[in-house]
C-alpha cells in the first residue's frame, strides 16, 4: 500500500496560509507557502497589500510553479486545515486570474490520519510527526505537514 501511494501521488501540493482576518470577505491574505510532494520544491507567496496587480502577479507565478512541479498534471491541494487555507487560495486565484488550478476540492491531512488509525475523532495526533516546527511561517508549516504525511506513508502513527 505505502509503495503504491508513494508511486501514484506526484501532484500533491501542501499549502499553508497566513492572513489578517477570518475570511477573504473580512480580511487579507498576507502570505502563503506551498511545498510539492515528493520533490519538496517550495513556493512562497508574499502579499504586501499593494493592490490587485501585485496579487495577480503572485497568483500567476504560483500557477506557473504548480504547473511546473506537477508536469501539467492536476494538482491536489493538501492542508492541515483546508477550511481555512483553501478559502484564501481559491479566492485569490478566482479574483485575480479567473481560475483555480486546484479545481474545486482539497484534502485534509487529519482526515487521512483518522482513516489510517480507524478513529474518526482522532484527527490531530498526526501533528506529532512534524519535523519542521510549526511556527506560523507558511513555508515551515507546509513543510512540517508534508514531513508528517510522508512519515504516515512510511507506516508511522
C-alpha atoms as a PDB file:
ATOM      1  CA  UNK A   1       0.000   0.000   0.000  1.00  0.00           C
ATOM      2  CA  UNK A   2       2.650   2.512   1.043  1.00  0.00           C
ATOM      3  CA  UNK A   3       4.743   1.996  -2.102  1.00  0.00           C
ATOM      4  CA  UNK A   4       1.633   2.270  -4.295  1.00  0.00           C
ATOM      5  CA  UNK A   5       0.607   5.560  -2.674  1.00  0.00           C
ATOM      6  CA  UNK A   6       4.140   6.988  -2.930  1.00  0.00           C
ATOM      7  CA  UNK A   7       4.374   5.988  -6.594  1.00  0.00           C
ATOM      8  CA  UNK A   8       0.941   7.276  -7.605  1.00  0.00           C
ATOM      9  CA  UNK A   9       0.880  10.590  -5.737  1.00  0.00           C
ATOM     10  CA  UNK A  10       3.163  13.010  -7.503  1.00  0.00           C
ATOM     11  CA  UNK A  11       0.913  16.041  -7.666  1.00  0.00           C
ATOM     12  CA  UNK A  12       0.308  16.882  -4.002  1.00  0.00           C
ATOM     13  CA  UNK A  13       0.831  20.498  -3.036  1.00  0.00           C
ATOM     14  CA  UNK A  14       0.931  21.148   0.717  1.00  0.00           C
ATOM     15  CA  UNK A  15      -0.274  24.703   1.406  1.00  0.00           C
ATOM     16  CA  UNK A  16      -0.358  26.920   4.470  1.00  0.00           C
ATOM     17  CA  UNK A  17      -1.748  30.468   4.616  1.00  0.00           C
ATOM     18  CA  UNK A  18      -1.227  33.392   6.947  1.00  0.00           C
ATOM     19  CA  UNK A  19      -3.829  36.135   6.924  1.00  0.00           C
ATOM     20  CA  UNK A  20      -5.246  39.092   8.806  1.00  0.00           C
ATOM     21  CA  UNK A  21      -8.929  38.444   9.346  1.00  0.00           C
ATOM     22  CA  UNK A  22     -11.072  35.350   9.410  1.00  0.00           C
ATOM     23  CA  UNK A  23     -12.031  35.074   5.746  1.00  0.00           C
ATOM     24  CA  UNK A  24     -11.389  36.721   2.381  1.00  0.00           C
ATOM     25  CA  UNK A  25     -14.563  38.777   2.833  1.00  0.00           C
ATOM     26  CA  UNK A  26     -13.334  40.307   6.101  1.00  0.00           C
ATOM     27  CA  UNK A  27      -9.549  40.149   5.875  1.00  0.00           C
ATOM     28  CA  UNK A  28      -6.430  39.948   3.733  1.00  0.00           C
ATOM     29  CA  UNK A  29      -4.110  37.111   2.812  1.00  0.00           C
ATOM     30  CA  UNK A  30      -0.609  38.248   3.799  1.00  0.00           C
ATOM     31  CA  UNK A  31       1.478  35.281   2.667  1.00  0.00           C
ATOM     32  CA  UNK A  32       1.292  31.614   1.857  1.00  0.00           C
ATOM     33  CA  UNK A  33       3.679  28.742   1.437  1.00  0.00           C
ATOM     34  CA  UNK A  34       3.443  25.692  -0.777  1.00  0.00           C
ATOM     35  CA  UNK A  35       5.608  22.579  -0.845  1.00  0.00           C
ATOM     36  CA  UNK A  36       5.320  19.961  -3.598  1.00  0.00           C
ATOM     37  CA  UNK A  37       5.355  16.261  -2.801  1.00  0.00           C
ATOM     38  CA  UNK A  38       7.597  14.381  -3.301  1.00  0.00           C
ATOM     39  CA  UNK A  39      10.116  16.879  -4.705  1.00  0.00           C
ATOM     40  CA  UNK A  40       9.869  19.329  -1.768  1.00  0.00           C
ATOM     41  CA  UNK A  41      10.065  22.240  -4.193  1.00  0.00           C
ATOM     42  CA  UNK A  42       8.797  25.367  -2.445  1.00  0.00           C
ATOM     43  CA  UNK A  43       6.827  28.460  -3.360  1.00  0.00           C
ATOM     44  CA  UNK A  44       6.458  31.461  -1.083  1.00  0.00           C
ATOM     45  CA  UNK A  45       3.757  33.956  -1.954  1.00  0.00           C
ATOM     46  CA  UNK A  46       4.074  37.290  -0.170  1.00  0.00           C
ATOM     47  CA  UNK A  47       1.399  39.962  -0.468  1.00  0.00           C
ATOM     48  CA  UNK A  48       2.348  43.385   0.833  1.00  0.00           C
ATOM     49  CA  UNK A  49      -1.104  44.831   0.251  1.00  0.00           C
ATOM     50  CA  UNK A  50      -0.127  46.950  -2.737  1.00  0.00           C
ATOM     51  CA  UNK A  51      -3.284  46.030  -4.595  1.00  0.00           C
ATOM     52  CA  UNK A  52      -4.816  43.750  -7.174  1.00  0.00           C
ATOM     53  CA  UNK A  53      -1.921  43.975  -9.642  1.00  0.00           C
ATOM     54  CA  UNK A  54       0.505  42.635  -7.044  1.00  0.00           C
ATOM     55  CA  UNK A  55      -1.921  39.845  -6.090  1.00  0.00           C
ATOM     56  CA  UNK A  56      -2.397  38.948  -9.766  1.00  0.00           C
ATOM     57  CA  UNK A  57       1.368  38.679 -10.283  1.00  0.00           C
ATOM     58  CA  UNK A  58       1.766  36.446  -7.208  1.00  0.00           C
ATOM     59  CA  UNK A  59      -1.065  34.124  -8.238  1.00  0.00           C
ATOM     60  CA  UNK A  60       0.161  33.950 -11.847  1.00  0.00           C
ATOM     61  CA  UNK A  61       3.610  32.948 -10.571  1.00  0.00           C
ATOM     62  CA  UNK A  62       2.025  30.419  -8.220  1.00  0.00           C
ATOM     63  CA  UNK A  63       0.042  28.863 -11.064  1.00  0.00           C
ATOM     64  CA  UNK A  64       3.184  28.617 -13.240  1.00  0.00           C
ATOM     65  CA  UNK A  65       5.053  26.991 -10.356  1.00  0.00           C
ATOM     66  CA  UNK A  66       2.219  24.486  -9.807  1.00  0.00           C
ATOM     67  CA  UNK A  67       2.183  23.550 -13.498  1.00  0.00           C
ATOM     68  CA  UNK A  68       5.958  23.123 -13.457  1.00  0.00           C
ATOM     69  CA  UNK A  69       6.195  20.931 -10.341  1.00  0.00           C
ATOM     70  CA  UNK A  70       3.253  18.746 -11.392  1.00  0.00           C
ATOM     71  CA  UNK A  71       4.383  18.467 -15.030  1.00  0.00           C
ATOM     72  CA  UNK A  72       0.993  19.803 -16.085  1.00  0.00           C
ATOM     73  CA  UNK A  73      -0.950  17.095 -14.201  1.00  0.00           C
ATOM     74  CA  UNK A  74      -3.870  18.056 -11.970  1.00  0.00           C
ATOM     75  CA  UNK A  75      -2.515  19.335  -8.645  1.00  0.00           C
ATOM     76  CA  UNK A  76      -4.060  18.206  -5.377  1.00  0.00           C
ATOM     77  CA  UNK A  77      -4.325  20.805  -2.593  1.00  0.00           C
ATOM     78  CA  UNK A  78      -3.389  19.378   0.825  1.00  0.00           C
ATOM     79  CA  UNK A  79      -3.567  21.270   4.092  1.00  0.00           C
ATOM     80  CA  UNK A  80      -3.733  20.913   7.842  1.00  0.00           C
ATOM     81  CA  UNK A  81      -6.991  22.859   7.683  1.00  0.00           C
ATOM     82  CA  UNK A  82      -8.394  23.401   4.185  1.00  0.00           C
ATOM     83  CA  UNK A  83     -11.462  25.067   5.687  1.00  0.00           C
ATOM     84  CA  UNK A  84      -9.107  27.974   6.376  1.00  0.00           C
ATOM     85  CA  UNK A  85      -6.262  27.683   3.851  1.00  0.00           C
ATOM     86  CA  UNK A  86      -8.393  26.691   0.856  1.00  0.00           C
ATOM     87  CA  UNK A  87     -10.690  29.700   1.064  1.00  0.00           C
ATOM     88  CA  UNK A  88      -7.776  32.157   0.771  1.00  0.00           C
ATOM     89  CA  UNK A  89      -6.098  30.400  -2.162  1.00  0.00           C
ATOM     90  CA  UNK A  90      -9.360  29.752  -4.011  1.00  0.00           C
ATOM     91  CA  UNK A  91     -10.411  33.382  -3.556  1.00  0.00           C
ATOM     92  CA  UNK A  92      -7.007  34.673  -4.654  1.00  0.00           C
ATOM     93  CA  UNK A  93      -6.951  32.599  -7.821  1.00  0.00           C
ATOM     94  CA  UNK A  94     -10.525  33.385  -8.875  1.00  0.00           C
ATOM     95  CA  UNK A  95     -10.337  37.105  -8.116  1.00  0.00           C
ATOM     96  CA  UNK A  96      -7.008  37.630  -9.858  1.00  0.00           C
ATOM     97  CA  UNK A  97      -6.743  35.209 -12.782  1.00  0.00           C
ATOM     98  CA  UNK A  98     -10.269  33.836 -13.113  1.00  0.00           C
ATOM     99  CA  UNK A  99      -9.427  30.167 -12.466  1.00  0.00           C
ATOM    100  CA  UNK A 100      -8.083  27.833  -9.804  1.00  0.00           C
ATOM    101  CA  UNK A 101      -5.639  25.125 -10.973  1.00  0.00           C
ATOM    102  CA  UNK A 102      -6.617  23.011  -7.952  1.00  0.00           C
ATOM    103  CA  UNK A 103     -10.203  22.732  -9.161  1.00  0.00           C
ATOM    104  CA  UNK A 104     -12.905  22.620  -6.519  1.00  0.00           C
ATOM    105  CA  UNK A 105     -11.536  20.373  -3.783  1.00  0.00           C
ATOM    106  CA  UNK A 106      -8.841  19.923  -1.161  1.00  0.00           C
ATOM    107  CA  UNK A 107      -7.578  17.171   1.124  1.00  0.00           C
ATOM    108  CA  UNK A 108      -7.166  17.371   4.891  1.00  0.00           C
ATOM    109  CA  UNK A 109      -4.255  15.542   6.485  1.00  0.00           C
ATOM    110  CA  UNK A 110      -6.249  14.950   9.676  1.00  0.00           C
ATOM    111  CA  UNK A 111      -8.943  13.048   7.775  1.00  0.00           C
ATOM    112  CA  UNK A 112      -6.301  10.868   6.114  1.00  0.00           C
ATOM    113  CA  UNK A 113      -4.789  10.148   9.531  1.00  0.00           C
ATOM    114  CA  UNK A 114      -8.164   9.386  11.139  1.00  0.00           C
ATOM    115  CA  UNK A 115      -8.846   6.854   8.384  1.00  0.00           C
ATOM    116  CA  UNK A 116      -5.438   5.233   8.809  1.00  0.00           C
ATOM    117  CA  UNK A 117      -5.896   4.755  12.561  1.00  0.00           C
ATOM    118  CA  UNK A 118      -9.596   3.864  12.257  1.00  0.00           C
ATOM    119  CA  UNK A 119     -10.747   6.590  14.633  1.00  0.00           C
ATOM    120  CA  UNK A 120     -12.898   9.306  13.047  1.00  0.00           C
ATOM    121  CA  UNK A 121     -12.474  11.616  16.039  1.00  0.00           C
ATOM    122  CA  UNK A 122      -8.665  11.374  16.100  1.00  0.00           C
ATOM    123  CA  UNK A 123      -7.724  13.948  13.511  1.00  0.00           C
ATOM    124  CA  UNK A 124      -4.903  15.815  15.272  1.00  0.00           C
ATOM    125  CA  UNK A 125      -2.456  13.241  16.662  1.00  0.00           C
ATOM    126  CA  UNK A 126      -0.576  13.182  13.340  1.00  0.00           C
ATOM    127  CA  UNK A 127       0.879  16.616  14.171  1.00  0.00           C
ATOM    128  CA  UNK A 128       3.439  14.967  16.467  1.00  0.00           C
ATOM    129  CA  UNK A 129       5.077  13.595  13.294  1.00  0.00           C
ATOM    130  CA  UNK A 130       6.090  17.041  12.015  1.00  0.00           C
ATOM    131  CA  UNK A 131       9.857  17.535  11.882  1.00  0.00           C
ATOM    132  CA  UNK A 132       9.987  21.214  10.922  1.00  0.00           C
ATOM    133  CA  UNK A 133       8.424  23.134  13.821  1.00  0.00           C
ATOM    134  CA  UNK A 134       5.028  24.742  13.316  1.00  0.00           C
ATOM    135  CA  UNK A 135       5.901  28.430  13.789  1.00  0.00           C
ATOM    136  CA  UNK A 136       3.409  30.247  11.519  1.00  0.00           C
ATOM    137  CA  UNK A 137       5.991  30.755   8.806  1.00  0.00           C
ATOM    138  CA  UNK A 138       3.896  29.315   5.963  1.00  0.00           C
ATOM    139  CA  UNK A 139       6.843  27.553   4.308  1.00  0.00           C
ATOM    140  CA  UNK A 140       7.837  25.873   7.578  1.00  0.00           C
ATOM    141  CA  UNK A 141       4.255  24.932   8.365  1.00  0.00           C
ATOM    142  CA  UNK A 142       3.640  23.449   4.901  1.00  0.00           C
ATOM    143  CA  UNK A 143       6.967  21.567   5.070  1.00  0.00           C
ATOM    144  CA  UNK A 144       6.154  20.174   8.514  1.00  0.00           C
ATOM    145  CA  UNK A 145       2.808  18.954   7.209  1.00  0.00           C
ATOM    146  CA  UNK A 146       4.474  17.290   4.213  1.00  0.00           C
ATOM    147  CA  UNK A 147       7.021  15.629   6.532  1.00  0.00           C
ATOM    148  CA  UNK A 148       4.270  14.275   8.780  1.00  0.00           C
ATOM    149  CA  UNK A 149       2.348  12.989   5.748  1.00  0.00           C
ATOM    150  CA  UNK A 150       5.467  11.260   4.424  1.00  0.00           C
ATOM    151  CA  UNK A 151       6.038   9.617   7.813  1.00  0.00           C
ATOM    152  CA  UNK A 152       2.424   8.386   7.743  1.00  0.00           C
ATOM    153  CA  UNK A 153       3.079   6.850   4.327  1.00  0.00           C
ATOM    154  CA  UNK A 154       6.122   5.127   5.808  1.00  0.00           C
ATOM    155  CA  UNK A 155       3.929   3.487   8.451  1.00  0.00           C
ATOM    156  CA  UNK A 156       4.439   5.754  11.441  1.00  0.00           C
ATOM    157  CA  UNK A 157       1.431   6.575  13.530  1.00  0.00           C
END
